[in-house]
Amino acid sequence: MHTSKLLSISYYTNVLLILITYIFSPTLLLAIELIQNDQIISMITINNQKGGEIQYFNKKNKTMNSIGTVVSPSINPEFEPFSAFRWGRESTVVATAVNILRIKISETRCISIYPSDNIPYIYYNFDTIHSNAFIVTDIKSGTGIFGEFAPPVGSPVRLIRNNKETAWPEFYEPQIGDKIIIYIVKQQYNYR
């Protein structure tokens, strides 16, 4: 009888966990994971779609705050955008400044994220291959992810596609609705 009750509790616990997974967004589940992980200090999420929310999760205060939105999403990757790019690690932030944030996806591909007041000239040329190769936000230079919440170079980055966390595909092509998750972690960043 005692074993039967345990099996029943285990079954209902699993059903409840599955329901929670489907009801809540992956971002919320990642935030819960963050609270349990001692190495992670905070998290930034960027929803790659027009009007997509950019959020900052502060582990210390256990708060998820909206800090901006995506004005123009990326649908093409950038290819080796700057010379130091090749020394960065895949699936990490490789450049951060008051006017740009760059993520290395693979040996040759990158996603750049720009503030609203520092959009590259290429964007205005209507050269679709280049203008869709980066994300433009409504965040001003020197603030938010380009200021006080800027992730350090070397911060790990993950992808959520179709509500599932996935590894970055080798030949990644950004899709509308992809979520980029940047973790700010407690560690020394060693470069190769």
N, C-alpha and C. Protein backbone atom coordinates (compact mmCIF):
# COMPACT_ATOMS: atom_id res chain seq x y z
N MET A 1 0.82 -1.19 0.00
CA MET A 1 0.00 0.00 0.00
C MET A 1 0.87 1.26 0.00
N HIS A 2 1.91 1.24 0.78
CA HIS A 2 2.81 2.38 0.88
C HIS A 2 3.48 2.64 -0.48
N THR A 3 3.92 1.61 -1.18
CA THR A 3 4.54 1.74 -2.51
C THR A 3 3.54 2.31 -3.50
N SER A 4 2.30 1.90 -3.42
CA SER A 4 1.26 2.39 -4.32
C SER A 4 1.07 3.90 -4.17
N LYS A 5 1.07 4.38 -2.91
CA LYS A 5 0.93 5.82 -2.68
C LYS A 5 2.11 6.59 -3.24
N LEU A 6 3.33 6.04 -3.08
CA LEU A 6 4.52 6.69 -3.62
C LEU A 6 4.47 6.78 -5.14
N LEU A 7 4.05 5.70 -5.79
CA LEU A 7 3.93 5.70 -7.26
C LEU A 7 2.89 6.72 -7.70
N SER A 8 1.80 6.80 -6.96
CA SER A 8 0.74 7.75 -7.29
C SER A 8 1.24 9.19 -7.15
N ILE A 9 1.97 9.48 -6.08
CA ILE A 9 2.51 10.82 -5.88
C ILE A 9 3.52 11.15 -6.97
N SER A 10 4.38 10.20 -7.27
CA SER A 10 5.39 10.41 -8.32
C SER A 10 4.72 10.68 -9.67
N TYR A 11 3.68 9.94 -9.99
CA TYR A 11 2.96 10.12 -11.25
C TYR A 11 2.38 11.53 -11.32
N TYR A 12 1.69 11.96 -10.27
CA TYR A 12 1.06 13.27 -10.27
C TYR A 12 2.10 14.39 -10.27
N THR A 13 3.22 14.17 -9.60
CA THR A 13 4.30 15.16 -9.62
C THR A 13 4.83 15.33 -11.04
N ASN A 14 5.04 14.23 -11.74
CA ASN A 14 5.53 14.29 -13.12
C ASN A 14 4.52 14.97 -14.04
N VAL A 15 3.26 14.65 -13.89
CA VAL A 15 2.21 15.29 -14.70
C VAL A 15 2.21 16.79 -14.44
N LEU A 16 2.32 17.17 -13.17
CA LEU A 16 2.34 18.58 -12.81
C LEU A 16 3.54 19.29 -13.43
N LEU A 17 4.72 18.67 -13.38
CA LEU A 17 5.91 19.25 -13.98
C LEU A 17 5.76 19.40 -15.49
N ILE A 18 5.18 18.44 -16.14
CA ILE A 18 4.95 18.52 -17.60
C ILE A 18 3.99 19.67 -17.90
N LEU A 19 2.92 19.79 -17.13
CA LEU A 19 1.97 20.89 -17.35
C LEU A 19 2.64 22.25 -17.13
N ILE A 20 3.45 22.36 -16.11
CA ILE A 20 4.15 23.62 -15.85
C ILE A 20 5.05 23.96 -17.02
N THR A 21 5.73 22.96 -17.56
CA THR A 21 6.63 23.17 -18.70
C THR A 21 5.85 23.71 -19.90
N TYR A 22 4.66 23.19 -20.16
CA TYR A 22 3.89 23.64 -21.31
C TYR A 22 3.18 24.97 -21.07
N ILE A 23 2.80 25.22 -19.83
CA ILE A 23 2.07 26.45 -19.53
C ILE A 23 3.00 27.66 -19.50
N PHE A 24 4.15 27.51 -18.83
CA PHE A 24 5.06 28.63 -18.69
C PHE A 24 6.03 28.70 -19.85
N SER A 25 6.47 29.88 -20.13
CA SER A 25 7.42 30.08 -21.23
C SER A 25 8.78 29.51 -20.88
N PRO A 26 9.57 29.16 -21.89
CA PRO A 26 10.93 28.69 -21.63
C PRO A 26 11.76 29.73 -20.88
N THR A 27 11.48 31.01 -21.09
CA THR A 27 12.23 32.05 -20.41
C THR A 27 12.02 31.97 -18.91
N LEU A 28 10.78 31.75 -18.48
CA LEU A 28 10.49 31.62 -17.06
C LEU A 28 11.19 30.39 -16.48
N LEU A 29 11.16 29.28 -17.23
CA LEU A 29 11.82 28.08 -16.76
C LEU A 29 13.33 28.29 -16.65
N LEU A 30 13.91 29.05 -17.58
CA LEU A 30 15.33 29.37 -17.49
C LEU A 30 15.62 30.23 -16.26
N ALA A 31 14.71 31.14 -15.96
CA ALA A 31 14.88 31.98 -14.77
C ALA A 31 14.87 31.12 -13.51
N ILE A 32 14.00 30.12 -13.47
CA ILE A 32 13.96 29.21 -12.33
C ILE A 32 15.28 28.44 -12.24
N GLU A 33 15.79 28.00 -13.40
CA GLU A 33 17.08 27.30 -13.45
C GLU A 33 18.20 28.21 -12.93
N LEU A 34 18.13 29.48 -13.28
CA LEU A 34 19.15 30.44 -12.84
C LEU A 34 19.20 30.56 -11.33
N ILE A 35 18.05 30.59 -10.71
CA ILE A 35 17.98 30.75 -9.26
C ILE A 35 18.71 29.59 -8.58
N GLN A 36 18.66 28.40 -9.19
CA GLN A 36 19.27 27.22 -8.61
C GLN A 36 20.76 27.09 -8.95
N ASN A 37 21.26 27.82 -9.95
CA ASN A 37 22.64 27.68 -10.39
C ASN A 37 23.50 28.76 -9.75
N ASP A 38 24.48 28.34 -8.94
CA ASP A 38 25.33 29.28 -8.22
C ASP A 38 26.27 30.07 -9.12
N GLN A 39 26.59 29.56 -10.31
CA GLN A 39 27.55 30.21 -11.19
C GLN A 39 26.94 31.38 -11.98
N ILE A 40 25.63 31.36 -12.14
CA ILE A 40 24.96 32.36 -12.98
C ILE A 40 24.51 33.54 -12.12
N ILE A 41 24.90 34.74 -12.55
CA ILE A 41 24.55 35.97 -11.83
C ILE A 41 23.25 36.57 -12.36
N SER A 42 23.14 36.63 -13.69
CA SER A 42 21.95 37.21 -14.31
C SER A 42 21.80 36.68 -15.73
N MET A 43 20.73 37.11 -16.40
CA MET A 43 20.42 36.61 -17.73
C MET A 43 19.76 37.72 -18.55
N ILE A 44 20.08 37.75 -19.84
CA ILE A 44 19.43 38.66 -20.79
C ILE A 44 18.73 37.80 -21.82
N THR A 45 17.48 38.13 -22.14
CA THR A 45 16.78 37.44 -23.22
C THR A 45 16.41 38.45 -24.30
N ILE A 46 16.58 38.04 -25.55
CA ILE A 46 16.25 38.89 -26.69
C ILE A 46 15.35 38.08 -27.62
N ASN A 47 14.12 38.54 -27.80
CA ASN A 47 13.17 37.85 -28.68
C ASN A 47 13.32 38.44 -30.08
N ASN A 48 13.86 37.67 -31.00
CA ASN A 48 14.18 38.13 -32.36
C ASN A 48 12.92 38.24 -33.23
N GLN A 49 12.13 39.25 -32.95
CA GLN A 49 10.98 39.57 -33.80
C GLN A 49 10.63 41.03 -33.58
N LYS A 50 10.02 41.65 -34.57
CA LYS A 50 9.65 43.06 -34.45
C LYS A 50 8.75 43.24 -33.23
N GLY A 51 9.16 44.12 -32.33
CA GLY A 51 8.43 44.33 -31.08
C GLY A 51 8.77 43.30 -30.02
N GLY A 52 9.71 42.39 -30.32
CA GLY A 52 10.10 41.36 -29.36
C GLY A 52 10.72 41.98 -28.12
N GLU A 53 10.40 41.42 -26.99
CA GLU A 53 10.85 41.96 -25.72
C GLU A 53 12.31 41.62 -25.45
N ILE A 54 13.03 42.56 -24.86
CA ILE A 54 14.38 42.34 -24.36
C ILE A 54 14.27 42.44 -22.84
N GLN A 55 14.67 41.36 -22.15
CA GLN A 55 14.50 41.31 -20.71
C GLN A 55 15.83 41.07 -20.00
N TYR A 56 15.88 41.56 -18.77
CA TYR A 56 17.05 41.34 -17.91
C TYR A 56 16.56 40.70 -16.63
N PHE A 57 17.11 39.52 -16.33
CA PHE A 57 16.76 38.82 -15.09
C PHE A 57 17.86 39.05 -14.08
N ASN A 58 17.51 39.64 -12.94
CA ASN A 58 18.45 39.89 -11.85
C ASN A 58 18.25 38.81 -10.80
N LYS A 59 19.23 37.92 -10.69
CA LYS A 59 19.13 36.80 -9.75
C LYS A 59 19.06 37.27 -8.31
N LYS A 60 19.83 38.30 -7.99
CA LYS A 60 19.87 38.78 -6.61
C LYS A 60 18.48 39.23 -6.14
N ASN A 61 17.79 39.98 -6.98
CA ASN A 61 16.45 40.47 -6.63
C ASN A 61 15.34 39.55 -7.10
N LYS A 62 15.71 38.51 -7.87
CA LYS A 62 14.75 37.55 -8.46
C LYS A 62 13.67 38.28 -9.25
N THR A 63 14.10 39.24 -10.08
CA THR A 63 13.15 40.00 -10.90
C THR A 63 13.51 39.90 -12.38
N MET A 64 12.49 39.84 -13.23
CA MET A 64 12.66 39.86 -14.68
C MET A 64 12.07 41.18 -15.16
N ASN A 65 12.94 42.04 -15.71
CA ASN A 65 12.49 43.36 -16.14
C ASN A 65 12.61 43.52 -17.64
N SER A 66 11.61 44.13 -18.23
CA SER A 66 11.66 44.48 -19.64
C SER A 66 12.52 45.74 -19.76
N ILE A 67 13.57 45.66 -20.60
CA ILE A 67 14.47 46.82 -20.73
C ILE A 67 14.50 47.37 -22.15
N GLY A 68 13.69 46.80 -23.04
CA GLY A 68 13.66 47.30 -24.40
C GLY A 68 12.93 46.34 -25.32
N THR A 69 12.87 46.72 -26.60
CA THR A 69 12.25 45.87 -27.61
C THR A 69 13.09 45.85 -28.87
N VAL A 70 12.83 44.85 -29.70
CA VAL A 70 13.50 44.72 -30.99
C VAL A 70 12.75 45.56 -32.01
N VAL A 71 13.45 46.47 -32.68
CA VAL A 71 12.86 47.31 -33.72
C VAL A 71 12.93 46.58 -35.06
N SER A 72 14.06 45.93 -35.31
CA SER A 72 14.27 45.19 -36.56
C SER A 72 14.99 43.88 -36.24
N PRO A 73 14.34 42.73 -36.51
CA PRO A 73 14.98 41.46 -36.20
C PRO A 73 16.01 41.05 -37.26
N SER A 74 16.83 40.07 -36.91
CA SER A 74 17.82 39.52 -37.83
C SER A 74 17.25 38.29 -38.53
N ILE A 75 17.44 38.21 -39.84
CA ILE A 75 17.06 37.00 -40.57
C ILE A 75 18.22 36.44 -41.38
N ASN A 76 19.39 37.09 -41.28
CA ASN A 76 20.61 36.61 -41.92
C ASN A 76 21.75 36.75 -40.93
N PRO A 77 22.69 35.78 -40.92
CA PRO A 77 23.85 35.95 -40.05
C PRO A 77 24.88 36.87 -40.70
N GLU A 78 25.74 37.46 -39.89
CA GLU A 78 26.89 38.20 -40.42
C GLU A 78 28.03 37.19 -40.57
N PHE A 79 28.88 37.42 -41.54
CA PHE A 79 30.01 36.53 -41.76
C PHE A 79 31.30 37.24 -41.42
N GLU A 80 32.02 36.74 -40.40
CA GLU A 80 33.28 37.30 -39.94
C GLU A 80 33.29 38.83 -39.96
N PRO A 81 32.52 39.46 -39.08
CA PRO A 81 32.33 40.90 -39.13
C PRO A 81 33.53 41.76 -38.73
N PHE A 82 34.47 41.21 -37.97
CA PHE A 82 35.65 41.99 -37.57
C PHE A 82 36.79 41.02 -37.31
N SER A 83 38.01 41.51 -37.40
CA SER A 83 39.18 40.62 -37.39
C SER A 83 39.35 39.83 -36.09
N ALA A 84 39.08 40.41 -34.94
CA ALA A 84 39.27 39.70 -33.67
C ALA A 84 38.20 38.63 -33.45
N PHE A 85 37.18 38.63 -34.28
CA PHE A 85 36.08 37.66 -34.18
C PHE A 85 36.60 36.22 -34.13
N ARG A 86 37.60 35.92 -34.91
CA ARG A 86 38.06 34.52 -35.01
C ARG A 86 38.68 34.01 -33.71
N TRP A 87 39.07 34.90 -32.77
CA TRP A 87 39.66 34.44 -31.52
C TRP A 87 38.61 34.17 -30.44
N GLY A 88 37.39 34.57 -30.67
CA GLY A 88 36.35 34.32 -29.68
C GLY A 88 35.87 32.87 -29.73
N ARG A 89 35.22 32.46 -28.67
CA ARG A 89 34.66 31.11 -28.62
C ARG A 89 33.25 31.10 -29.18
N GLU A 90 32.89 29.98 -29.81
CA GLU A 90 31.54 29.83 -30.34
C GLU A 90 30.53 29.85 -29.20
N SER A 91 29.34 30.34 -29.51
CA SER A 91 28.23 30.43 -28.55
C SER A 91 28.57 31.31 -27.36
N THR A 92 29.32 32.39 -27.62
CA THR A 92 29.62 33.35 -26.56
C THR A 92 29.53 34.77 -27.10
N VAL A 93 29.46 35.72 -26.19
CA VAL A 93 29.56 37.13 -26.55
C VAL A 93 31.03 37.39 -26.91
N VAL A 94 31.27 37.95 -28.10
CA VAL A 94 32.66 38.21 -28.53
C VAL A 94 33.00 39.70 -28.56
N ALA A 95 32.01 40.56 -28.44
CA ALA A 95 32.27 42.00 -28.38
C ALA A 95 31.11 42.67 -27.66
N THR A 96 31.45 43.61 -26.81
CA THR A 96 30.43 44.38 -26.12
C THR A 96 30.95 45.80 -25.94
N ALA A 97 30.09 46.76 -26.20
CA ALA A 97 30.47 48.17 -26.11
C ALA A 97 29.22 49.01 -25.93
N VAL A 98 29.40 50.31 -25.83
CA VAL A 98 28.25 51.20 -25.67
C VAL A 98 27.40 51.28 -26.93
N ASN A 99 27.92 50.75 -28.05
CA ASN A 99 27.19 50.87 -29.32
C ASN A 99 27.02 49.56 -30.08
N ILE A 100 27.35 48.41 -29.46
CA ILE A 100 27.18 47.13 -30.16
C ILE A 100 27.35 45.98 -29.18
N LEU A 101 26.72 44.87 -29.51
CA LEU A 101 26.88 43.61 -28.81
C LEU A 101 26.98 42.54 -29.89
N ARG A 102 28.05 41.73 -29.87
CA ARG A 102 28.23 40.71 -30.91
C ARG A 102 28.33 39.33 -30.29
N ILE A 103 27.63 38.38 -30.93
CA ILE A 103 27.60 36.99 -30.47
C ILE A 103 28.16 36.11 -31.58
N LYS A 104 29.15 35.29 -31.23
CA LYS A 104 29.73 34.36 -32.19
C LYS A 104 28.91 33.07 -32.17
N ILE A 105 28.38 32.72 -33.33
CA ILE A 105 27.55 31.53 -33.45
C ILE A 105 28.39 30.33 -33.86
N SER A 106 29.23 30.51 -34.86
CA SER A 106 30.09 29.43 -35.35
C SER A 106 31.41 30.04 -35.81
N GLU A 107 32.25 29.24 -36.41
CA GLU A 107 33.55 29.74 -36.85
C GLU A 107 33.45 30.91 -37.83
N THR A 108 32.32 31.00 -38.55
CA THR A 108 32.20 32.06 -39.56
C THR A 108 30.98 32.95 -39.37
N ARG A 109 30.12 32.66 -38.42
CA ARG A 109 28.85 33.40 -38.31
C ARG A 109 28.71 34.12 -36.97
N CYS A 110 28.01 35.25 -37.05
CA CYS A 110 27.87 36.14 -35.91
C CYS A 110 26.51 36.83 -35.99
N ILE A 111 25.99 37.24 -34.84
CA ILE A 111 24.82 38.12 -34.79
C ILE A 111 25.25 39.39 -34.06
N SER A 112 24.97 40.54 -34.65
CA SER A 112 25.27 41.82 -34.02
C SER A 112 23.97 42.46 -33.57
N ILE A 113 24.02 43.13 -32.42
CA ILE A 113 22.85 43.80 -31.85
C ILE A 113 23.23 45.25 -31.64
N TYR A 114 22.38 46.15 -32.16
CA TYR A 114 22.69 47.59 -32.14
C TYR A 114 21.65 48.38 -31.35
N PRO A 115 22.08 49.50 -30.74
CA PRO A 115 21.14 50.43 -30.11
C PRO A 115 20.44 51.27 -31.19
N SER A 116 19.34 51.86 -30.84
CA SER A 116 18.54 52.62 -31.82
C SER A 116 19.25 53.85 -32.37
N ASP A 117 20.17 54.42 -31.60
CA ASP A 117 20.82 55.65 -32.05
C ASP A 117 22.21 55.41 -32.66
N ASN A 118 22.49 54.17 -33.01
CA ASN A 118 23.78 53.87 -33.63
C ASN A 118 23.63 52.75 -34.67
N ILE A 119 22.68 52.93 -35.55
CA ILE A 119 22.41 51.92 -36.58
C ILE A 119 23.44 52.07 -37.70
N PRO A 120 24.05 50.96 -38.13
CA PRO A 120 25.06 51.05 -39.19
C PRO A 120 24.52 51.61 -40.49
N TYR A 121 25.39 52.24 -41.24
CA TYR A 121 25.04 52.84 -42.52
C TYR A 121 24.41 51.81 -43.46
N ILE A 122 24.87 50.55 -43.39
CA ILE A 122 24.36 49.49 -44.25
C ILE A 122 22.85 49.37 -44.14
N TYR A 123 22.32 49.60 -42.93
CA TYR A 123 20.88 49.48 -42.68
C TYR A 123 20.08 50.44 -43.57
N TYR A 124 20.64 51.61 -43.81
CA TYR A 124 19.93 52.61 -44.60
C TYR A 124 20.09 52.42 -46.11
N ASN A 125 21.00 51.52 -46.51
CA ASN A 125 21.20 51.25 -47.94
C ASN A 125 20.16 50.30 -48.50
N PHE A 126 19.35 49.72 -47.64
CA PHE A 126 18.34 48.75 -48.04
C PHE A 126 18.96 47.56 -48.77
N ASP A 127 20.19 47.25 -48.42
CA ASP A 127 20.87 46.06 -48.91
C ASP A 127 20.40 44.93 -48.00
N THR A 128 19.41 44.18 -48.44
CA THR A 128 18.73 43.21 -47.59
C THR A 128 19.68 42.21 -46.93
N ILE A 129 20.68 41.76 -47.65
CA ILE A 129 21.60 40.78 -47.09
C ILE A 129 22.28 41.34 -45.85
N HIS A 130 22.66 42.61 -45.88
CA HIS A 130 23.34 43.19 -44.74
C HIS A 130 22.39 43.79 -43.71
N SER A 131 21.35 44.46 -44.15
CA SER A 131 20.49 45.15 -43.19
C SER A 131 19.71 44.16 -42.33
N ASN A 132 19.51 42.95 -42.80
CA ASN A 132 18.81 41.94 -42.00
C ASN A 132 19.79 41.03 -41.26
N ALA A 133 21.06 41.39 -41.25
CA ALA A 133 22.07 40.56 -40.63
C ALA A 133 22.33 40.96 -39.18
N PHE A 134 21.56 41.88 -38.65
CA PHE A 134 21.73 42.26 -37.26
C PHE A 134 20.40 42.66 -36.66
N ILE A 135 20.37 42.70 -35.34
CA ILE A 135 19.17 43.09 -34.60
C ILE A 135 19.33 44.55 -34.20
N VAL A 136 18.29 45.34 -34.45
CA VAL A 136 18.26 46.74 -34.00
C VAL A 136 17.25 46.82 -32.86
N THR A 137 17.65 47.46 -31.76
CA THR A 137 16.79 47.59 -30.59
C THR A 137 16.33 49.03 -30.43
N ASP A 138 15.41 49.26 -29.49
CA ASP A 138 15.02 50.64 -29.17
C ASP A 138 15.81 51.17 -27.97
N ILE A 139 16.82 50.44 -27.56
CA ILE A 139 17.66 50.83 -26.42
C ILE A 139 18.70 51.85 -26.90
N LYS A 140 18.92 52.88 -26.14
CA LYS A 140 19.90 53.92 -26.48
C LYS A 140 21.33 53.46 -26.18
N SER A 141 22.29 53.99 -26.91
CA SER A 141 23.71 53.69 -26.66
C SER A 141 24.07 54.01 -25.21
N GLY A 142 24.90 53.15 -24.62
CA GLY A 142 25.38 53.39 -23.27
C GLY A 142 24.40 53.03 -22.17
N THR A 143 23.23 52.45 -22.52
CA THR A 143 22.25 52.07 -21.50
C THR A 143 21.84 50.61 -21.72
N GLY A 144 21.17 50.04 -20.72
CA GLY A 144 20.66 48.66 -20.85
C GLY A 144 21.76 47.67 -21.19
N ILE A 145 21.54 46.87 -22.23
CA ILE A 145 22.53 45.86 -22.62
C ILE A 145 23.77 46.48 -23.24
N PHE A 146 23.73 47.78 -23.50
CA PHE A 146 24.90 48.51 -24.01
C PHE A 146 25.52 49.38 -22.90
N GLY A 147 25.08 49.16 -21.67
CA GLY A 147 25.56 49.94 -20.54
C GLY A 147 25.58 49.11 -19.28
N GLU A 148 24.70 49.44 -18.34
CA GLU A 148 24.74 48.82 -17.02
C GLU A 148 24.46 47.31 -17.02
N PHE A 149 23.77 46.79 -18.03
CA PHE A 149 23.49 45.35 -18.09
C PHE A 149 24.32 44.64 -19.15
N ALA A 150 25.34 45.29 -19.68
CA ALA A 150 26.16 44.70 -20.74
C ALA A 150 26.85 43.42 -20.26
N PRO A 151 26.71 42.33 -21.02
CA PRO A 151 27.39 41.10 -20.62
C PRO A 151 28.87 41.17 -20.96
N PRO A 152 29.73 40.61 -20.13
CA PRO A 152 31.16 40.62 -20.46
C PRO A 152 31.47 39.71 -21.64
N VAL A 153 32.53 40.02 -22.35
CA VAL A 153 32.99 39.16 -23.42
C VAL A 153 33.25 37.78 -22.82
N GLY A 154 32.81 36.74 -23.52
CA GLY A 154 32.96 35.37 -23.04
C GLY A 154 31.70 34.82 -22.40
N SER A 155 30.68 35.67 -22.20
CA SER A 155 29.43 35.19 -21.60
C SER A 155 28.79 34.15 -22.52
N PRO A 156 28.35 33.01 -21.95
CA PRO A 156 27.73 31.97 -22.77
C PRO A 156 26.36 32.40 -23.30
N VAL A 157 26.04 31.92 -24.51
CA VAL A 157 24.79 32.29 -25.16
C VAL A 157 24.08 31.01 -25.62
N ARG A 158 22.78 30.95 -25.42
CA ARG A 158 21.98 29.80 -25.86
C ARG A 158 20.86 30.29 -26.77
N LEU A 159 20.25 29.35 -27.47
CA LEU A 159 19.17 29.64 -28.41
C LEU A 159 17.91 28.89 -28.00
N ILE A 160 16.78 29.57 -28.04
CA ILE A 160 15.48 28.90 -27.89
C ILE A 160 14.75 29.09 -29.21
N ARG A 161 14.40 27.98 -29.83
CA ARG A 161 13.69 27.99 -31.10
C ARG A 161 12.48 27.08 -30.97
N ASN A 162 11.31 27.57 -31.39
CA ASN A 162 10.06 26.80 -31.27
C ASN A 162 9.83 26.33 -29.83
N ASN A 163 10.09 27.22 -28.88
CA ASN A 163 9.90 26.96 -27.45
C ASN A 163 10.76 25.84 -26.91
N LYS A 164 11.86 25.49 -27.59
CA LYS A 164 12.77 24.46 -27.11
C LYS A 164 14.19 25.00 -27.14
N GLU A 165 14.90 24.76 -26.04
CA GLU A 165 16.30 25.15 -26.01
C GLU A 165 17.06 24.21 -26.94
N THR A 166 17.91 24.78 -27.76
CA THR A 166 18.65 23.99 -28.73
C THR A 166 20.07 24.51 -28.87
N ALA A 167 20.95 23.64 -29.33
CA ALA A 167 22.31 24.08 -29.63
C ALA A 167 22.27 24.96 -30.87
N TRP A 168 23.25 25.85 -30.99
CA TRP A 168 23.32 26.69 -32.19
C TRP A 168 23.67 25.79 -33.36
N PRO A 169 22.84 25.76 -34.40
CA PRO A 169 23.20 24.96 -35.58
C PRO A 169 24.48 25.51 -36.21
N GLU A 170 25.29 24.62 -36.79
CA GLU A 170 26.56 25.03 -37.37
C GLU A 170 26.37 26.11 -38.43
N PHE A 171 25.33 25.96 -39.24
CA PHE A 171 25.05 26.94 -40.29
C PHE A 171 23.79 27.70 -39.92
N TYR A 172 23.82 28.31 -38.75
CA TYR A 172 22.65 28.99 -38.19
C TYR A 172 22.16 30.11 -39.09
N GLU A 173 20.87 30.10 -39.34
CA GLU A 173 20.17 31.18 -40.02
C GLU A 173 19.14 31.71 -39.03
N PRO A 174 19.23 32.96 -38.61
CA PRO A 174 18.25 33.49 -37.66
C PRO A 174 16.83 33.39 -38.19
N GLN A 175 15.90 33.10 -37.30
CA GLN A 175 14.49 33.04 -37.66
C GLN A 175 13.71 33.99 -36.77
N ILE A 176 12.63 34.52 -37.33
CA ILE A 176 11.74 35.36 -36.54
C ILE A 176 11.20 34.50 -35.39
N GLY A 177 11.28 35.04 -34.18
CA GLY A 177 10.79 34.31 -33.00
C GLY A 177 11.87 33.57 -32.24
N ASP A 178 13.07 33.46 -32.79
CA ASP A 178 14.17 32.86 -32.02
C ASP A 178 14.39 33.70 -30.76
N LYS A 179 14.73 33.04 -29.66
CA LYS A 179 15.09 33.77 -28.43
C LYS A 179 16.56 33.52 -28.16
N ILE A 180 17.26 34.60 -27.94
CA ILE A 180 18.68 34.54 -27.61
C ILE A 180 18.79 34.74 -26.11
N ILE A 181 19.47 33.81 -25.44
CA ILE A 181 19.64 33.88 -24.00
C ILE A 181 21.13 34.08 -23.71
N ILE A 182 21.46 35.17 -23.02
CA ILE A 182 22.85 35.46 -22.65
C ILE A 182 22.95 35.33 -21.13
N TYR A 183 23.87 34.47 -20.68
CA TYR A 183 24.10 34.28 -19.25
C TYR A 183 25.31 35.07 -18.80
N ILE A 184 25.16 35.79 -17.71
CA ILE A 184 26.29 36.45 -17.08
C ILE A 184 26.67 35.54 -15.91
N VAL A 185 27.89 34.99 -15.96
CA VAL A 185 28.29 33.98 -15.00
C VAL A 185 29.49 34.43 -14.17
N LYS A 186 29.65 33.80 -12.99
CA LYS A 186 30.80 34.04 -12.12
C LYS A 186 31.92 33.12 -12.58
N GLN A 187 32.88 33.64 -13.29
CA GLN A 187 34.05 32.84 -13.67
C GLN A 187 35.08 33.73 -14.34
N GLN A 188 36.26 33.20 -14.45
CA GLN A 188 37.31 33.88 -15.20
C GLN A 188 37.15 33.46 -16.65
N TYR A 189 37.16 34.41 -17.55
CA TYR A 189 37.03 34.09 -18.96
C TYR A 189 38.41 33.87 -19.55
N ASN A 190 38.64 32.65 -19.98
CA ASN A 190 39.91 32.28 -20.60
C ASN A 190 39.72 32.23 -22.10
N TYR A 191 40.55 32.94 -22.82
CA TYR A 191 40.43 32.97 -24.27
C TYR A 191 41.45 32.06 -24.87
N ARG A 192 41.12 31.52 -26.02
CA ARG A 192 42.06 30.62 -26.67
C ARG A 192 43.07 31.37 -27.47
